[in-house]
C-alpha atoms as a PDB file:
ATOM      1  CA  MET A   1     -21.357  46.256  -7.790  1.00  0.00           C
ATOM      2  CA  PRO A   2     -21.272  42.475  -7.017  1.00  0.00           C
ATOM      3  CA  SER A   3     -23.570  41.274  -4.273  1.00  0.00           C
ATOM      4  CA  ASP A   4     -22.271  40.125  -0.902  1.00  0.00           C
ATOM      5  CA  ALA A   5     -23.438  36.533  -1.519  1.00  0.00           C
ATOM      6  CA  PHE A   6     -21.445  36.365  -4.741  1.00  0.00           C
ATOM      7  CA  MET A   7     -18.339  37.719  -3.017  1.00  0.00           C
ATOM      8  CA  TRP A   8     -18.669  35.097  -0.263  1.00  0.00           C
ATOM      9  CA  PHE A   9     -19.037  32.421  -2.936  1.00  0.00           C
ATOM     10  CA  ILE A  10     -15.858  33.592  -4.667  1.00  0.00           C
ATOM     11  CA  MET A  11     -14.027  33.632  -1.331  1.00  0.00           C
ATOM     12  CA  ALA A  12     -15.233  30.124  -0.407  1.00  0.00           C
ATOM     13  CA  TRP A  13     -14.359  28.834  -3.877  1.00  0.00           C
ATOM     14  CA  SER A  14     -10.856  30.296  -3.593  1.00  0.00           C
ATOM     15  CA  VAL A  15     -10.294  28.631  -0.219  1.00  0.00           C
ATOM     16  CA  PHE A  16     -11.692  25.347  -1.541  1.00  0.00           C
ATOM     17  CA  MET A  17      -9.410  25.382  -4.605  1.00  0.00           C
ATOM     18  CA  THR A  18      -6.356  26.358  -2.553  1.00  0.00           C
ATOM     19  CA  VAL A  19      -6.916  23.509  -0.083  1.00  0.00           C
ATOM     20  CA  PHE A  20      -7.325  20.952  -2.860  1.00  0.00           C
ATOM     21  CA  MET A  21      -4.228  22.231  -4.660  1.00  0.00           C
ATOM     22  CA  PHE A  22      -2.215  21.795  -1.451  1.00  0.00           C
ATOM     23  CA  ILE A  23      -3.573  18.288  -0.961  1.00  0.00           C
ATOM     24  CA  GLY A  24      -2.753  17.352  -4.560  1.00  0.00           C
ATOM     25  CA  GLY A  25       0.692  18.893  -4.256  1.00  0.00           C
ATOM     26  CA  PHE A  26       1.357  16.911  -1.090  1.00  0.00           C
ATOM     27  CA  PHE A  27       0.594  13.609  -2.815  1.00  0.00           C
ATOM     28  CA  MET A  28       2.584  14.580  -5.903  1.00  0.00           C
ATOM     29  CA  PHE A  29       5.551  15.483  -3.700  1.00  0.00           C
ATOM     30  CA  ARG A  30       5.324  12.125  -1.897  1.00  0.00           C
ATOM     31  CA  LYS A  31       5.364  10.365  -5.288  1.00  0.00           C
ATOM     32  CA  PHE A  32       8.371  12.484  -6.297  1.00  0.00           C
ATOM     33  CA  LEU A  33      10.238  11.465  -3.127  1.00  0.00           C
ATOM     34  CA  LYS A  34       9.565   7.797  -3.868  1.00  0.00           C
ATOM     35  CA  ARG A  35      11.013   8.258  -7.373  1.00  0.00           C
ATOM     36  CA  PHE A  36      14.067  10.078  -6.014  1.00  0.00           C
ATOM     37  CA  PRO A  37      17.171   7.820  -6.120  1.00  0.00           C
ATOM     38  CA  LYS A  38      18.598   6.611  -2.811  1.00  0.00           C
ATOM     39  CA  GLU A  39      22.245   5.831  -1.961  1.00  0.00           C
ATOM     40  CA  ASP A  40      22.289   2.747  -4.201  1.00  0.00           C
ATOM     41  CA  GLY A  41      21.142   4.756  -7.230  1.00  0.00           C
ATOM     42  CA  HIS A  42      17.654   3.232  -7.316  1.00  0.00           C
ATOM     43  CA  SER A  43      14.426   4.659  -5.991  1.00  0.00           C
ATOM     44  CA  ILE A  44      11.835   2.937  -3.825  1.00  0.00           C
ATOM     45  CA  LEU A  45       9.595   2.510  -6.872  1.00  0.00           C
ATOM     46  CA  ASP A  46      12.501   1.129  -8.948  1.00  0.00           C
ATOM     47  CA  TRP A  47      13.065  -1.575  -6.341  1.00  0.00           C
ATOM     48  CA  GLN A  48       9.355  -2.276  -6.130  1.00  0.00           C
ATOM     49  CA  ASP A  49       9.204  -2.752  -9.920  1.00  0.00           C
ATOM     50  CA  TYR A  50      12.292  -4.972  -9.789  1.00  0.00           C
ATOM     51  CA  TYR A  51      10.755  -7.236  -7.141  1.00  0.00           C
ATOM     52  CA  LEU A  52       7.513  -7.449  -9.117  1.00  0.00           C
ATOM     53  CA  GLN A  53       9.306  -8.430 -12.321  1.00  0.00           C
ATOM     54  CA  GLU A  54      11.585 -10.960 -10.658  1.00  0.00           C
ATOM     55  CA  THR A  55       8.775 -12.751  -8.836  1.00  0.00           C
ATOM     56  CA  ARG A  56       5.955 -12.516 -11.374  1.00  0.00           C
ATOM     57  CA  HIS A  57       6.351 -16.204 -12.281  1.00  0.00           C
ATOM     58  CA  LEU A  58       6.115 -17.289  -8.611  1.00  0.00           C
ATOM     59  CA  TRP A  59       2.491 -16.206  -8.164  1.00  0.00           C
ATOM     60  CA  PRO A  60      -0.119 -18.979  -8.469  1.00  0.00           C
ATOM     61  CA  GLN A  61      -3.601 -17.819  -9.427  1.00  0.00           C
ATOM     62  CA  SER A  62      -5.026 -18.673  -5.992  1.00  0.00           C
ATOM     63  CA  LYS A  63      -2.584 -16.289  -4.288  1.00  0.00           C
ATOM     64  CA  LYS A  64      -3.306 -13.554  -6.831  1.00  0.00           C
ATOM     65  CA  ASN A  65      -6.973 -13.955  -5.964  1.00  0.00           C
ATOM     66  CA  LEU A  66      -6.204 -13.794  -2.230  1.00  0.00           C
ATOM     67  CA  LEU A  67      -4.179 -10.617  -2.732  1.00  0.00           C
ATOM     68  CA  GLU A  68      -7.077  -9.168  -4.702  1.00  0.00           C
ATOM     69  CA  GLU A  69      -9.428  -9.929  -1.805  1.00  0.00           C
ATOM     70  CA  LEU A  70      -7.033  -8.305   0.658  1.00  0.00           C
ATOM     71  CA  VAL A  71      -6.846  -5.030  -1.295  1.00  0.00           C
ATOM     72  CA  GLU A  72     -10.641  -4.950  -1.670  1.00  0.00           C
ATOM     73  CA  PRO A  73     -11.240  -2.273   1.020  1.00  0.00           C
ATOM     74  CA  VAL A  74      -8.819   0.149  -0.665  1.00  0.00           C
ATOM     75  CA  PRO A  75     -10.709   2.717  -2.784  1.00  0.00           C
ATOM     76  CA  GLU A  76     -10.638   1.698  -6.443  1.00  0.00           C
ATOM     77  CA  LEU A  77      -8.657   4.797  -7.406  1.00  0.00           C
ATOM     78  CA  PHE A  78      -5.721   3.690  -5.211  1.00  0.00           C
ATOM     79  CA  ARG A  79      -6.157  -0.092  -5.454  1.00  0.00           C
ATOM     80  CA  ASP A  80      -3.536  -0.620  -8.190  1.00  0.00           C
ATOM     81  CA  VAL A  81      -0.926   1.302  -6.211  1.00  0.00           C
ATOM     82  CA  ALA A  82      -1.725  -0.652  -3.043  1.00  0.00           C
ATOM     83  CA  ARG A  83      -1.620  -3.981  -4.896  1.00  0.00           C
ATOM     84  CA  GLU A  84       1.773  -3.159  -6.421  1.00  0.00           C
ATOM     85  CA  ARG A  85       3.217  -2.013  -3.116  1.00  0.00           C
ATOM     86  CA  ILE A  86       2.065  -5.136  -1.281  1.00  0.00           C
ATOM     87  CA  ALA A  87       3.135  -7.447  -4.109  1.00  0.00           C
ATOM     88  CA  GLY A  88       6.518  -5.705  -4.225  1.00  0.00           C
ATOM     89  CA  GLU A  89       7.072  -6.320  -0.509  1.00  0.00           C
ATOM     90  CA  ILE A  90       6.003  -9.951  -0.896  1.00  0.00           C
ATOM     91  CA  GLY A  91       8.401 -10.255  -3.838  1.00  0.00           C
ATOM     92  CA  ARG A  92      11.252  -8.793  -1.780  1.00  0.00           C
ATOM     93  CA  ILE A  93      10.683 -11.349   0.958  1.00  0.00           C
ATOM     94  CA  ALA A  94      10.385 -14.160  -1.604  1.00  0.00           C
ATOM     95  CA  LEU A  95      13.707 -13.235  -3.210  1.00  0.00           C
ATOM     96  CA  GLU A  96      15.450 -12.909   0.157  1.00  0.00           C
ATOM     97  CA  GLU A  97      14.209 -16.343   1.199  1.00  0.00           C
ATOM     98  CA  LYS A  98      14.727 -17.837  -2.280  1.00  0.00           C
ATOM     99  CA  ALA A  99      11.129 -19.052  -2.325  1.00  0.00           C
ATOM    100  CA  GLU A 100      10.039 -21.290  -5.170  1.00  0.00           C
ATOM    101  CA  THR A 101       6.456 -20.041  -5.080  1.00  0.00           C
ATOM    102  CA  ILE A 102       4.385 -17.454  -3.272  1.00  0.00           C
ATOM    103  CA  ASP A 103       2.541 -19.307  -0.524  1.00  0.00           C
ATOM    104  CA  GLU A 104       0.018 -18.162   2.064  1.00  0.00           C
ATOM    105  CA  PRO A 105       2.457 -17.476   4.945  1.00  0.00           C
ATOM    106  CA  LEU A 106       4.681 -15.431   2.630  1.00  0.00           C
ATOM    107  CA  LEU A 107       1.703 -13.459   1.359  1.00  0.00           C
ATOM    108  CA  ILE A 108       0.430 -12.702   4.854  1.00  0.00           C
ATOM    109  CA  ARG A 109       3.872 -11.632   6.122  1.00  0.00           C
ATOM    110  CA  GLY A 110       4.332  -9.368   3.113  1.00  0.00           C
ATOM    111  CA  TYR A 111       0.884  -7.853   3.565  1.00  0.00           C
ATOM    112  CA  ILE A 112       1.551  -7.097   7.229  1.00  0.00           C
ATOM    113  CA  LEU A 113       4.907  -5.463   6.468  1.00  0.00           C
ATOM    114  CA  ALA A 114       3.646  -3.473   3.471  1.00  0.00           C
ATOM    115  CA  THR A 115       0.479  -2.043   4.976  1.00  0.00           C
ATOM    116  CA  PRO A 116      -0.129   0.493   7.740  1.00  0.00           C
ATOM    117  CA  LYS A 117      -1.432  -0.648  11.104  1.00  0.00           C
ATOM    118  CA  ARG A 118      -4.997   0.495  10.350  1.00  0.00           C
ATOM    119  CA  ASP A 119      -5.295  -2.122   7.557  1.00  0.00           C
ATOM    120  CA  HIS A 120      -4.445  -5.025   9.845  1.00  0.00           C
ATOM    121  CA  LYS A 121      -7.974  -5.099  11.243  1.00  0.00           C
ATOM    122  CA  PHE A 122      -9.314  -6.035   7.808  1.00  0.00           C
ATOM    123  CA  LEU A 123      -6.607  -8.684   7.384  1.00  0.00           C
ATOM    124  CA  ARG A 124      -7.579 -10.267  10.685  1.00  0.00           C
ATOM    125  CA  LYS A 125     -11.244 -10.261   9.682  1.00  0.00           C
ATOM    126  CA  LYS A 126     -10.561 -11.751   6.234  1.00  0.00           C
ATOM    127  CA  CYS A 127      -8.249 -14.442   7.628  1.00  0.00           C
ATOM    128  CA  HIS A 128     -10.852 -15.330  10.260  1.00  0.00           C
ATOM    129  CA  GLU A 129     -13.402 -15.792   7.455  1.00  0.00           C
ATOM    130  CA  LYS A 130     -10.976 -18.073   5.598  1.00  0.00           C
ATOM    131  CA  ASN A 131      -9.985 -19.984   8.774  1.00  0.00           C
ATOM    132  CA  ILE A 132      -6.365 -18.859   8.576  1.00  0.00           C
ATOM    133  CA  ASP A 133      -4.579 -18.822  11.931  1.00  0.00           C
ATOM    134  CA  LEU A 134      -2.639 -15.598  12.521  1.00  0.00           C
ATOM    135  CA  THR A 135      -1.002 -16.510  15.836  1.00  0.00           C
ATOM    136  CA  GLU A 136       2.366 -17.108  14.184  1.00  0.00           C
ATOM    137  CA  TYR A 137       2.273 -13.570  12.769  1.00  0.00           C
ATOM    138  CA  GLU A 138       1.553 -11.743  16.025  1.00  0.00           C
ATOM    139  CA  TYR A 139       5.207 -10.727  16.336  1.00  0.00           C
ATOM    140  CA  LEU A 140       4.905  -8.916  12.981  1.00  0.00           C
ATOM    141  CA  PHE A 141       1.756  -7.109  14.081  1.00  0.00           C
ATOM    142  CA  LYS A 142       3.542  -5.972  17.255  1.00  0.00           C
ATOM    143  CA  GLN A 143       6.687  -5.023  15.342  1.00  0.00           C
ATOM    144  CA  LYS A 144       4.649  -2.984  12.850  1.00  0.00           C
ATOM    145  CA  ALA A 145       2.678  -1.305  15.657  1.00  0.00           C
ATOM    146  CA  ALA A 146       5.882  -0.382  17.477  1.00  0.00           C
ATOM    147  CA  SER A 147       7.491   1.056  14.348  1.00  0.00           C
ATOM    148  CA  SER A 148       4.436   3.190  13.527  1.00  0.00           C
ATOM    149  CA  GLU A 149       4.413   4.898  16.933  1.00  0.00           C
END
């Protein structure tokens, strides 16, 4: 007959595996929803890829480096996804405004719009280090905070 300690271990392991399967399933389902076509026939990720491809030539190396610094606090496992999402939003804004190059104000606006409110604290800190004034973007911070509530 198995000991009580072994039975408790099996029970704990079962709960542990079930919880992690639910967490993994949740993230897979979110990815599925982003790939699901919307009314226009394209998914969120299709549009993101489109904006990245259309604006790839507009990115100077200095702005690529700045974007890389801004996604630094994201865990390395998710950093590529975060970089693509932020760059896609910046690309969308650049195409809407018919920008000739990605500049600092465009990058900061895109970052604010593409990231959740909790990431704005790091942006403020990084911009303070680089002596970038964020007063002209306060309306975006407030708009993003209001939409997340």
